[in-house]
């Protein structure tokens, strides 16, 4: 069985999507929705409701030393919606509030 899930895709937007039980993963470019569903259900022991996939086009970059151009990047992402109230622990981040220093004013 080939590796389908590469890594979780964690950004500010994907953290907000976790409140709707939607989790975003970077997946293999040739992965199908059925394969992604099996991998998520087996790895995290959850039931998948739906999967949306999208491909980011690679960017054309320039090597300034040689002057040649090359393609960089190009990802396939999967947004997985989970049934029920189950959570995936990879996306749970602790909110760290900044400590407020108390200063005394001298007169």
PDB file of N, CA and C in Angstrom:
ATOM      1  N   UNK A   1       0.846  -1.179   0.000  1.00  0.00           N
ATOM      2  CA  UNK A   1       0.000   0.000   0.000  1.00  0.00           C
ATOM      3  C   UNK A   1       0.890   1.241   0.000  1.00  0.00           C
ATOM      4  N   UNK A   2       0.662   2.134  -0.945  1.00  0.00           N
ATOM      5  CA  UNK A   2       1.499   3.319  -1.059  1.00  0.00           C
ATOM      6  C   UNK A   2       1.118   4.365  -0.013  1.00  0.00           C
ATOM      7  N   UNK A   3       2.062   5.246   0.272  1.00  0.00           N
ATOM      8  CA  UNK A   3       1.831   6.289   1.259  1.00  0.00           C
ATOM      9  C   UNK A   3       1.024   7.409   0.619  1.00  0.00           C
ATOM     10  N   UNK A   4      -0.114   7.723   1.217  1.00  0.00           N
ATOM     11  CA  UNK A   4      -1.008   8.726   0.655  1.00  0.00           C
ATOM     12  C   UNK A   4      -0.876  10.044   1.402  1.00  0.00           C
ATOM     13  N   UNK A   5      -0.996  10.008   2.732  1.00  0.00           N
ATOM     14  CA  UNK A   5      -0.889  11.228   3.529  1.00  0.00           C
ATOM     15  C   UNK A   5       0.578  11.567   3.732  1.00  0.00           C
ATOM     16  N   UNK A   6       0.957  12.794   3.426  1.00  0.00           N
ATOM     17  CA  UNK A   6       2.343  13.206   3.593  1.00  0.00           C
ATOM     18  C   UNK A   6       2.531  13.930   4.920  1.00  0.00           C
ATOM     19  N   UNK A   7       1.719  14.975   5.160  1.00  0.00           N
ATOM     20  CA  UNK A   7       1.828  15.716   6.419  1.00  0.00           C
ATOM     21  C   UNK A   7       0.569  16.546   6.616  1.00  0.00           C
ATOM     22  N   UNK A   8       0.289  16.971   7.848  1.00  0.00           N
ATOM     23  CA  UNK A   8      -0.828  17.893   8.061  1.00  0.00           C
ATOM     24  C   UNK A   8      -0.439  19.283   7.569  1.00  0.00           C
ATOM     25  N   UNK A   9      -1.392  20.002   7.037  1.00  0.00           N
ATOM     26  CA  UNK A   9      -1.156  21.355   6.528  1.00  0.00           C
ATOM     27  C   UNK A   9      -1.736  22.320   7.558  1.00  0.00           C
ATOM     28  N   UNK A  10      -0.868  22.952   8.342  1.00  0.00           N
ATOM     29  CA  UNK A  10      -1.320  23.792   9.448  1.00  0.00           C
ATOM     30  C   UNK A  10      -1.020  25.251   9.137  1.00  0.00           C
ATOM     31  N   UNK A  11      -2.089  26.033   8.989  1.00  0.00           N
ATOM     32  CA  UNK A  11      -2.004  27.477   8.807  1.00  0.00           C
ATOM     33  C   UNK A  11      -3.095  28.107   9.669  1.00  0.00           C
ATOM     34  N   UNK A  12      -3.169  29.428   9.663  1.00  0.00           N
ATOM     35  CA  UNK A  12      -4.213  30.096  10.434  1.00  0.00           C
ATOM     36  C   UNK A  12      -5.601  29.697   9.923  1.00  0.00           C
ATOM     37  N   UNK A  13      -5.731  29.605   8.615  1.00  0.00           N
ATOM     38  CA  UNK A  13      -7.027  29.262   8.028  1.00  0.00           C
ATOM     39  C   UNK A  13      -7.431  27.829   8.363  1.00  0.00           C
ATOM     40  N   UNK A  14      -6.486  26.893   8.320  1.00  0.00           N
ATOM     41  CA  UNK A  14      -6.833  25.501   8.611  1.00  0.00           C
ATOM     42  C   UNK A  14      -7.129  25.296  10.092  1.00  0.00           C
ATOM     43  N   UNK A  15      -6.511  26.088  10.951  1.00  0.00           N
ATOM     44  CA  UNK A  15      -6.842  26.016  12.382  1.00  0.00           C
ATOM     45  C   UNK A  15      -8.286  26.463  12.599  1.00  0.00           C
ATOM     46  N   UNK A  16      -8.724  27.488  11.872  1.00  0.00           N
ATOM     47  CA  UNK A  16     -10.117  27.923  11.989  1.00  0.00           C
ATOM     48  C   UNK A  16     -11.080  26.866  11.445  1.00  0.00           C
ATOM     49  N   UNK A  17     -10.660  26.113  10.436  1.00  0.00           N
ATOM     50  CA  UNK A  17     -11.514  25.062   9.875  1.00  0.00           C
ATOM     51  C   UNK A  17     -11.705  23.891  10.836  1.00  0.00           C
ATOM     52  N   UNK A  18     -10.788  23.709  11.788  1.00  0.00           N
ATOM     53  CA  UNK A  18     -10.925  22.595  12.727  1.00  0.00           C
ATOM     54  C   UNK A  18     -12.156  22.752  13.619  1.00  0.00           C
ATOM     55  N   UNK A  19     -12.634  23.975  13.794  1.00  0.00           N
ATOM     56  CA  UNK A  19     -13.849  24.186  14.585  1.00  0.00           C
ATOM     57  C   UNK A  19     -15.074  23.615  13.875  1.00  0.00           C
ATOM     58  N   UNK A  20     -14.978  23.438  12.551  1.00  0.00           N
ATOM     59  CA  UNK A  20     -16.061  22.848  11.763  1.00  0.00           C
ATOM     60  C   UNK A  20     -15.803  21.371  11.483  1.00  0.00           C
ATOM     61  N   UNK A  21     -14.860  20.764  12.208  1.00  0.00           N
ATOM     62  CA  UNK A  21     -14.451  19.361  12.020  1.00  0.00           C
ATOM     63  C   UNK A  21     -13.869  19.110  10.633  1.00  0.00           C
ATOM     64  N   UNK A  22     -13.147  20.092  10.084  1.00  0.00           N
ATOM     65  CA  UNK A  22     -12.474  19.941   8.794  1.00  0.00           C
ATOM     66  C   UNK A  22     -10.973  20.021   9.034  1.00  0.00           C
ATOM     67  N   UNK A  23     -10.244  19.033   8.526  1.00  0.00           N
ATOM     68  CA  UNK A  23      -8.802  18.943   8.722  1.00  0.00           C
ATOM     69  C   UNK A  23      -8.124  18.875   7.360  1.00  0.00           C
ATOM     70  N   UNK A  24      -6.996  19.583   7.207  1.00  0.00           N
ATOM     71  CA  UNK A  24      -6.320  19.691   5.918  1.00  0.00           C
ATOM     72  C   UNK A  24      -5.001  18.940   5.953  1.00  0.00           C
ATOM     73  N   UNK A  25      -4.764  18.128   4.926  1.00  0.00           N
ATOM     74  CA  UNK A  25      -3.536  17.351   4.800  1.00  0.00           C
ATOM     75  C   UNK A  25      -2.923  17.578   3.429  1.00  0.00           C
ATOM     76  N   UNK A  26      -1.587  17.536   3.365  1.00  0.00           N
ATOM     77  CA  UNK A  26      -0.893  17.468   2.085  1.00  0.00           C
ATOM     78  C   UNK A  26      -0.841  15.991   1.726  1.00  0.00           C
ATOM     79  N   UNK A  27      -1.270  15.662   0.520  1.00  0.00           N
ATOM     80  CA  UNK A  27      -1.347  14.263   0.101  1.00  0.00           C
ATOM     81  C   UNK A  27      -0.513  14.058  -1.163  1.00  0.00           C
ATOM     82  N   UNK A  28      -0.317  12.798  -1.518  1.00  0.00           N
ATOM     83  CA  UNK A  28       0.421  12.467  -2.739  1.00  0.00           C
ATOM     84  C   UNK A  28      -0.345  12.989  -3.954  1.00  0.00           C
ATOM     85  N   UNK A  29       0.391  13.380  -4.987  1.00  0.00           N
ATOM     86  CA  UNK A  29      -0.236  14.005  -6.155  1.00  0.00           C
ATOM     87  C   UNK A  29      -1.172  13.067  -6.901  1.00  0.00           C
ATOM     88  N   UNK A  30      -0.935  11.764  -6.819  1.00  0.00           N
ATOM     89  CA  UNK A  30      -1.790  10.817  -7.536  1.00  0.00           C
ATOM     90  C   UNK A  30      -2.797  10.125  -6.617  1.00  0.00           C
ATOM     91  N   UNK A  31      -3.008  10.647  -5.409  1.00  0.00           N
ATOM     92  CA  UNK A  31      -3.931  10.034  -4.449  1.00  0.00           C
ATOM     93  C   UNK A  31      -5.377  10.335  -4.833  1.00  0.00           C
ATOM     94  N   UNK A  32      -6.229   9.327  -4.706  1.00  0.00           N
ATOM     95  CA  UNK A  32      -7.651   9.490  -4.974  1.00  0.00           C
ATOM     96  C   UNK A  32      -8.392   9.663  -3.651  1.00  0.00           C
ATOM     97  N   UNK A  33      -9.623  10.147  -3.738  1.00  0.00           N
ATOM     98  CA  UNK A  33     -10.411  10.411  -2.533  1.00  0.00           C
ATOM     99  C   UNK A  33     -10.670   9.140  -1.729  1.00  0.00           C
ATOM    100  N   UNK A  34     -10.889   8.014  -2.406  1.00  0.00           N
ATOM    101  CA  UNK A  34     -11.144   6.762  -1.692  1.00  0.00           C
ATOM    102  C   UNK A  34      -9.919   6.342  -0.882  1.00  0.00           C
ATOM    103  N   UNK A  35      -8.731   6.507  -1.465  1.00  0.00           N
ATOM    104  CA  UNK A  35      -7.493   6.151  -0.761  1.00  0.00           C
ATOM    105  C   UNK A  35      -7.263   7.063   0.436  1.00  0.00           C
ATOM    106  N   UNK A  36      -7.522   8.358   0.259  1.00  0.00           N
ATOM    107  CA  UNK A  36      -7.348   9.319   1.356  1.00  0.00           C
ATOM    108  C   UNK A  36      -8.297   8.970   2.498  1.00  0.00           C
ATOM    109  N   UNK A  37      -9.533   8.610   2.166  1.00  0.00           N
ATOM    110  CA  UNK A  37     -10.526   8.255   3.184  1.00  0.00           C
ATOM    111  C   UNK A  37     -10.066   7.044   3.987  1.00  0.00           C
ATOM    112  N   UNK A  38      -9.562   6.003   3.314  1.00  0.00           N
ATOM    113  CA  UNK A  38      -9.090   4.805   4.017  1.00  0.00           C
ATOM    114  C   UNK A  38      -7.934   5.129   4.949  1.00  0.00           C
ATOM    115  N   UNK A  39      -6.979   5.928   4.473  1.00  0.00           N
ATOM    116  CA  UNK A  39      -5.819   6.272   5.296  1.00  0.00           C
ATOM    117  C   UNK A  39      -6.224   7.059   6.539  1.00  0.00           C
ATOM    118  N   UNK A  40      -7.091   8.052   6.381  1.00  0.00           N
ATOM    119  CA  UNK A  40      -7.504   8.870   7.529  1.00  0.00           C
ATOM    120  C   UNK A  40      -8.275   8.020   8.530  1.00  0.00           C
ATOM    121  N   UNK A  41      -9.179   7.174   8.050  1.00  0.00           N
ATOM    122  CA  UNK A  41      -9.962   6.337   8.962  1.00  0.00           C
ATOM    123  C   UNK A  41      -9.090   5.331   9.696  1.00  0.00           C
ATOM    124  N   UNK A  42      -8.077   4.770   9.033  1.00  0.00           N
ATOM    125  CA  UNK A  42      -7.199   3.798   9.689  1.00  0.00           C
ATOM    126  C   UNK A  42      -6.224   4.459  10.657  1.00  0.00           C
ATOM    127  N   UNK A  43      -5.656   5.592  10.286  1.00  0.00           N
ATOM    128  CA  UNK A  43      -4.655   6.243  11.139  1.00  0.00           C
ATOM    129  C   UNK A  43      -5.257   6.879  12.386  1.00  0.00           C
ATOM    130  N   UNK A  44      -6.383   7.570  12.226  1.00  0.00           N
ATOM    131  CA  UNK A  44      -6.923   8.373  13.321  1.00  0.00           C
ATOM    132  C   UNK A  44      -8.171   7.779  13.959  1.00  0.00           C
ATOM    133  N   UNK A  45      -8.655   6.631  13.461  1.00  0.00           N
ATOM    134  CA  UNK A  45      -9.819   5.931  14.028  1.00  0.00           C
ATOM    135  C   UNK A  45     -11.047   6.839  14.097  1.00  0.00           C
ATOM    136  N   UNK A  46     -11.344   7.509  12.986  1.00  0.00           N
ATOM    137  CA  UNK A  46     -12.512   8.381  12.878  1.00  0.00           C
ATOM    138  C   UNK A  46     -13.280   8.004  11.613  1.00  0.00           C
ATOM    139  N   UNK A  47     -14.508   8.470  11.505  1.00  0.00           N
ATOM    140  CA  UNK A  47     -15.315   8.266  10.302  1.00  0.00           C
ATOM    141  C   UNK A  47     -15.282   9.550   9.471  1.00  0.00           C
ATOM    142  N   UNK A  48     -15.031   9.404   8.181  1.00  0.00           N
ATOM    143  CA  UNK A  48     -14.928  10.546   7.277  1.00  0.00           C
ATOM    144  C   UNK A  48     -16.289  10.798   6.638  1.00  0.00           C
ATOM    145  N   UNK A  49     -16.738  12.053   6.692  1.00  0.00           N
ATOM    146  CA  UNK A  49     -18.014  12.426   6.082  1.00  0.00           C
ATOM    147  C   UNK A  49     -17.818  12.827   4.619  1.00  0.00           C
ATOM    148  N   UNK A  50     -16.834  13.692   4.346  1.00  0.00           N
ATOM    149  CA  UNK A  50     -16.592  14.114   2.968  1.00  0.00           C
ATOM    150  C   UNK A  50     -15.138  14.533   2.805  1.00  0.00           C
ATOM    151  N   UNK A  51     -14.689  14.569   1.550  1.00  0.00           N
ATOM    152  CA  UNK A  51     -13.320  14.970   1.228  1.00  0.00           C
ATOM    153  C   UNK A  51     -13.359  15.912   0.034  1.00  0.00           C
ATOM    154  N   UNK A  52     -12.680  17.043   0.154  1.00  0.00           N
ATOM    155  CA  UNK A  52     -12.475  17.959  -0.965  1.00  0.00           C
ATOM    156  C   UNK A  52     -10.985  17.997  -1.253  1.00  0.00           C
ATOM    157  N   UNK A  53     -10.609  17.907  -2.524  1.00  0.00           N
ATOM    158  CA  UNK A  53      -9.196  17.965  -2.888  1.00  0.00           C
ATOM    159  C   UNK A  53      -8.954  19.166  -3.784  1.00  0.00           C
ATOM    160  N   UNK A  54      -7.731  19.693  -3.719  1.00  0.00           N
ATOM    161  CA  UNK A  54      -7.341  20.792  -4.586  1.00  0.00           C
ATOM    162  C   UNK A  54      -5.857  20.693  -4.882  1.00  0.00           C
ATOM    163  N   UNK A  55      -5.491  21.176  -6.050  1.00  0.00           N
ATOM    164  CA  UNK A  55      -4.088  21.156  -6.459  1.00  0.00           C
ATOM    165  C   UNK A  55      -3.585  22.587  -6.581  1.00  0.00           C
ATOM    166  N   UNK A  56      -2.416  22.853  -6.007  1.00  0.00           N
ATOM    167  CA  UNK A  56      -1.749  24.132  -6.185  1.00  0.00           C
ATOM    168  C   UNK A  56      -0.762  23.990  -7.332  1.00  0.00           C
ATOM    169  N   UNK A  57      -0.789  24.917  -8.249  1.00  0.00           N
ATOM    170  CA  UNK A  57       0.111  24.857  -9.395  1.00  0.00           C
ATOM    171  C   UNK A  57       1.531  25.189  -8.953  1.00  0.00           C
ATOM    172  N   UNK A  58       2.533  24.563  -9.560  1.00  0.00           N
ATOM    173  CA  UNK A  58       3.916  24.902  -9.228  1.00  0.00           C
ATOM    174  C   UNK A  58       4.256  26.308  -9.719  1.00  0.00           C
ATOM    175  N   UNK A  59       5.177  26.970  -9.006  1.00  0.00           N
ATOM    176  CA  UNK A  59       5.585  28.323  -9.364  1.00  0.00           C
ATOM    177  C   UNK A  59       6.833  28.287 -10.231  1.00  0.00           C
ATOM    178  N   UNK A  60       6.915  29.214 -11.167  1.00  0.00           N
ATOM    179  CA  UNK A  60       8.094  29.342 -12.005  1.00  0.00           C
ATOM    180  C   UNK A  60       9.088  30.245 -11.287  1.00  0.00           C
ATOM    181  N   UNK A  61      10.249  29.722 -10.949  1.00  0.00           N
ATOM    182  CA  UNK A  61      11.286  30.467 -10.234  1.00  0.00           C
ATOM    183  C   UNK A  61      12.507  30.612 -11.127  1.00  0.00           C
ATOM    184  N   UNK A  62      13.349  31.581 -10.794  1.00  0.00           N
ATOM    185  CA  UNK A  62      14.549  31.835 -11.585  1.00  0.00           C
ATOM    186  C   UNK A  62      15.775  31.626 -10.722  1.00  0.00           C
ATOM    187  N   UNK A  63      16.741  30.892 -11.253  1.00  0.00           N
ATOM    188  CA  UNK A  63      18.029  30.727 -10.597  1.00  0.00           C
ATOM    189  C   UNK A  63      18.884  31.918 -11.010  1.00  0.00           C
ATOM    190  N   UNK A  64      19.222  32.775 -10.059  1.00  0.00           N
ATOM    191  CA  UNK A  64      19.925  34.013 -10.392  1.00  0.00           C
ATOM    192  C   UNK A  64      21.388  33.787 -10.753  1.00  0.00           C
ATOM    193  N   UNK A  65      21.941  32.668 -10.351  1.00  0.00           N
ATOM    194  CA  UNK A  65      23.326  32.363 -10.716  1.00  0.00           C
ATOM    195  C   UNK A  65      23.467  32.003 -12.187  1.00  0.00           C
ATOM    196  N   UNK A  66      22.604  31.091 -12.629  1.00  0.00           N
ATOM    197  CA  UNK A  66      22.716  30.603 -14.000  1.00  0.00           C
ATOM    198  C   UNK A  66      21.732  31.272 -14.950  1.00  0.00           C
ATOM    199  N   UNK A  67      20.706  31.921 -14.417  1.00  0.00           N
ATOM    200  CA  UNK A  67      19.712  32.573 -15.254  1.00  0.00           C
ATOM    201  C   UNK A  67      18.645  31.634 -15.776  1.00  0.00           C
ATOM    202  N   UNK A  68      18.708  30.370 -15.394  1.00  0.00           N
ATOM    203  CA  UNK A  68      17.721  29.407 -15.879  1.00  0.00           C
ATOM    204  C   UNK A  68      16.480  29.420 -14.989  1.00  0.00           C
ATOM    205  N   UNK A  69      15.392  28.922 -15.522  1.00  0.00           N
ATOM    206  CA  UNK A  69      14.129  28.860 -14.803  1.00  0.00           C
ATOM    207  C   UNK A  69      13.812  27.417 -14.419  1.00  0.00           C
ATOM    208  N   UNK A  70      13.080  27.254 -13.325  1.00  0.00           N
ATOM    209  CA  UNK A  70      12.676  25.926 -12.883  1.00  0.00           C
ATOM    210  C   UNK A  70      11.335  26.024 -12.167  1.00  0.00           C
ATOM    211  N   UNK A  71      10.653  24.904 -12.054  1.00  0.00           N
ATOM    212  CA  UNK A  71       9.374  24.847 -11.357  1.00  0.00           C
ATOM    213  C   UNK A  71       9.593  24.425  -9.914  1.00  0.00           C
ATOM    214  N   UNK A  72       8.958  25.141  -9.000  1.00  0.00           N
ATOM    215  CA  UNK A  72       9.101  24.834  -7.579  1.00  0.00           C
ATOM    216  C   UNK A  72       7.713  24.619  -6.984  1.00  0.00           C
ATOM    217  N   UNK A  73       7.601  23.598  -6.169  1.00  0.00           N
ATOM    218  CA  UNK A  73       6.361  23.366  -5.442  1.00  0.00           C
ATOM    219  C   UNK A  73       5.357  22.550  -6.217  1.00  0.00           C
ATOM    220  N   UNK A  74       4.117  22.845  -5.996  1.00  0.00           N
ATOM    221  CA  UNK A  74       3.035  22.080  -6.586  1.00  0.00           C
ATOM    222  C   UNK A  74       2.562  21.036  -5.594  1.00  0.00           C
ATOM    223  N   UNK A  75       1.503  21.338  -4.858  1.00  0.00           N
ATOM    224  CA  UNK A  75       0.991  20.443  -3.821  1.00  0.00           C
ATOM    225  C   UNK A  75      -0.414  19.986  -4.170  1.00  0.00           C
ATOM    226  N   UNK A  76      -0.793  18.874  -3.596  1.00  0.00           N
ATOM    227  CA  UNK A  76      -2.187  18.455  -3.606  1.00  0.00           C
ATOM    228  C   UNK A  76      -2.625  18.398  -2.155  1.00  0.00           C
ATOM    229  N   UNK A  77      -3.714  19.106  -1.845  1.00  0.00           N
ATOM    230  CA  UNK A  77      -4.223  19.141  -0.481  1.00  0.00           C
ATOM    231  C   UNK A  77      -5.593  18.483  -0.435  1.00  0.00           C
ATOM    232  N   UNK A  78      -5.891  17.899   0.708  1.00  0.00           N
ATOM    233  CA  UNK A  78      -7.202  17.290   0.928  1.00  0.00           C
ATOM    234  C   UNK A  78      -7.796  17.885   2.195  1.00  0.00           C
ATOM    235  N   UNK A  79      -9.024  18.383   2.085  1.00  0.00           N
ATOM    236  CA  UNK A  79      -9.758  18.885   3.244  1.00  0.00           C
ATOM    237  C   UNK A  79     -10.753  17.797   3.622  1.00  0.00           C
ATOM    238  N   UNK A  80     -10.541  17.208   4.811  1.00  0.00           N
ATOM    239  CA  UNK A  80     -11.313  16.049   5.253  1.00  0.00           C
ATOM    240  C   UNK A  80     -12.284  16.489   6.336  1.00  0.00           C
ATOM    241  N   UNK A  81     -13.573  16.200   6.141  1.00  0.00           N
ATOM    242  CA  UNK A  81     -14.583  16.506   7.157  1.00  0.00           C
ATOM    243  C   UNK A  81     -14.893  15.234   7.924  1.00  0.00           C
ATOM    244  N   UNK A  82     -14.846  15.330   9.268  1.00  0.00           N
ATOM    245  CA  UNK A  82     -15.024  14.190  10.163  1.00  0.00           C
ATOM    246  C   UNK A  82     -16.460  14.173  10.688  1.00  0.00           C
ATOM    247  N   UNK A  83     -17.052  12.977  10.779  1.00  0.00           N
ATOM    248  CA  UNK A  83     -18.395  12.823  11.346  1.00  0.00           C
ATOM    249  C   UNK A  83     -18.339  12.927  12.864  1.00  0.00           C
ATOM    250  N   UNK A  84     -19.397  13.475  13.445  1.00  0.00           N
ATOM    251  CA  UNK A  84     -19.525  13.502  14.900  1.00  0.00           C
ATOM    252  C   UNK A  84     -18.618  14.521  15.562  1.00  0.00           C
ATOM    253  N   UNK A  85     -18.358  14.284  16.856  1.00  0.00           N
ATOM    254  CA  UNK A  85     -17.560  15.207  17.657  1.00  0.00           C
ATOM    255  C   UNK A  85     -16.132  14.736  17.840  1.00  0.00           C
ATOM    256  N   UNK A  86     -15.660  13.833  17.024  1.00  0.00           N
ATOM    257  CA  UNK A  86     -14.288  13.327  17.154  1.00  0.00           C
ATOM    258  C   UNK A  86     -13.303  14.416  16.742  1.00  0.00           C
ATOM    259  N   UNK A  87     -12.101  14.345  17.299  1.00  0.00           N
ATOM    260  CA  UNK A  87     -11.043  15.311  16.995  1.00  0.00           C
ATOM    261  C   UNK A  87      -9.792  14.567  16.571  1.00  0.00           C
ATOM    262  N   UNK A  88      -8.949  15.232  15.799  1.00  0.00           N
ATOM    263  CA  UNK A  88      -7.632  14.716  15.445  1.00  0.00           C
ATOM    264  C   UNK A  88      -6.616  15.516  16.241  1.00  0.00           C
ATOM    265  N   UNK A  89      -5.786  14.820  17.019  1.00  0.00           N
ATOM    266  CA  UNK A  89      -4.892  15.480  17.964  1.00  0.00           C
ATOM    267  C   UNK A  89      -3.794  16.305  17.305  1.00  0.00           C
ATOM    268  N   UNK A  90      -3.460  16.039  16.055  1.00  0.00           N
ATOM    269  CA  UNK A  90      -2.389  16.789  15.394  1.00  0.00           C
ATOM    270  C   UNK A  90      -2.709  18.269  15.268  1.00  0.00           C
ATOM    271  N   UNK A  91      -3.982  18.602  15.213  1.00  0.00           N
ATOM    272  CA  UNK A  91      -4.386  19.978  14.966  1.00  0.00           C
ATOM    273  C   UNK A  91      -4.749  20.735  16.240  1.00  0.00           C
ATOM    274  N   UNK A  92      -4.644  20.091  17.383  1.00  0.00           N
ATOM    275  CA  UNK A  92      -4.972  20.751  18.639  1.00  0.00           C
ATOM    276  C   UNK A  92      -3.758  21.536  19.116  1.00  0.00           C
ATOM    277  N   UNK A  93      -3.865  22.846  19.124  1.00  0.00           N
ATOM    278  CA  UNK A  93      -2.779  23.709  19.571  1.00  0.00           C
ATOM    279  C   UNK A  93      -3.194  24.393  20.859  1.00  0.00           C
ATOM    280  N   UNK A  94      -2.239  24.522  21.757  1.00  0.00           N
ATOM    281  CA  UNK A  94      -2.515  25.219  23.001  1.00  0.00           C
ATOM    282  C   UNK A  94      -2.457  26.713  22.742  1.00  0.00           C
ATOM    283  N   UNK A  95      -3.430  27.423  23.263  1.00  0.00           N
ATOM    284  CA  UNK A  95      -3.408  28.875  23.096  1.00  0.00           C
ATOM    285  C   UNK A  95      -2.563  29.466  24.214  1.00  0.00           C
ATOM    286  N   UNK A  96      -1.527  30.135  23.805  1.00  0.00           N
ATOM    287  CA  UNK A  96      -0.632  30.754  24.777  1.00  0.00           C
ATOM    288  C   UNK A  96      -0.937  32.242  24.825  1.00  0.00           C
ATOM    289  N   UNK A  97      -1.415  32.678  25.966  1.00  0.00           N
ATOM    290  CA  UNK A  97      -1.702  34.094  26.122  1.00  0.00           C
ATOM    291  C   UNK A  97      -0.453  34.779  26.646  1.00  0.00           C
ATOM    292  N   UNK A  98      -0.149  35.957  26.136  1.00  0.00           N
ATOM    293  CA  UNK A  98       1.055  36.646  26.601  1.00  0.00           C
ATOM    294  C   UNK A  98       0.908  37.067  28.060  1.00  0.00           C
ATOM    295  N   UNK A  99       2.008  36.948  28.768  1.00  0.00           N
ATOM    296  CA  UNK A  99       1.997  37.344  30.170  1.00  0.00           C
ATOM    297  C   UNK A  99       2.089  38.862  30.254  1.00  0.00           C
ATOM    298  N   UNK A 100       1.261  39.427  31.099  1.00  0.00           N
ATOM    299  CA  UNK A 100       1.245  40.871  31.272  1.00  0.00           C
ATOM    300  C   UNK A 100       2.103  41.203  32.480  1.00  0.00           C
ATOM    301  N   UNK A 101       3.080  42.051  32.265  1.00  0.00           N
ATOM    302  CA  UNK A 101       3.944  42.465  33.368  1.00  0.00           C
ATOM    303  C   UNK A 101       3.304  43.642  34.080  1.00  0.00           C
ATOM    304  N   UNK A 102       3.301  43.538  35.378  1.00  0.00           N
ATOM    305  CA  UNK A 102       2.759  44.632  36.165  1.00  0.00           C
ATOM    306  C   UNK A 102       3.887  45.608  36.457  1.00  0.00           C
ATOM    307  N   UNK A 103       3.648  46.830  36.119  1.00  0.00           N
ATOM    308  CA  UNK A 103       4.655  47.863  36.378  1.00  0.00           C
ATOM    309  C   UNK A 103       4.080  48.854  37.369  1.00  0.00           C
ATOM    310  N   UNK A 104       4.921  49.274  38.244  1.00  0.00           N
ATOM    311  CA  UNK A 104       4.485  50.265  39.222  1.00  0.00           C
ATOM    312  C   UNK A 104       4.979  51.631  38.771  1.00  0.00           C
ATOM    313  N   UNK A 105       4.095  52.583  38.852  1.00  0.00           N
ATOM    314  CA  UNK A 105       4.457  53.940  38.456  1.00  0.00           C
ATOM    315  C   UNK A 105       4.956  54.690  39.678  1.00  0.00           C
ATOM    316  N   UNK A 106       6.119  55.266  39.541  1.00  0.00           N
ATOM    317  CA  UNK A 106       6.683  56.059  40.634  1.00  0.00           C
ATOM    318  C   UNK A 106       6.460  57.530  40.337  1.00  0.00           C
ATOM    319  N   UNK A 107       6.059  58.255  41.371  1.00  0.00           N
ATOM    320  CA  UNK A 107       5.829  59.696  41.202  1.00  0.00           C
ATOM    321  C   UNK A 107       6.817  60.498  41.979  1.00  0.00           C
TER     322      UNK A 107
END
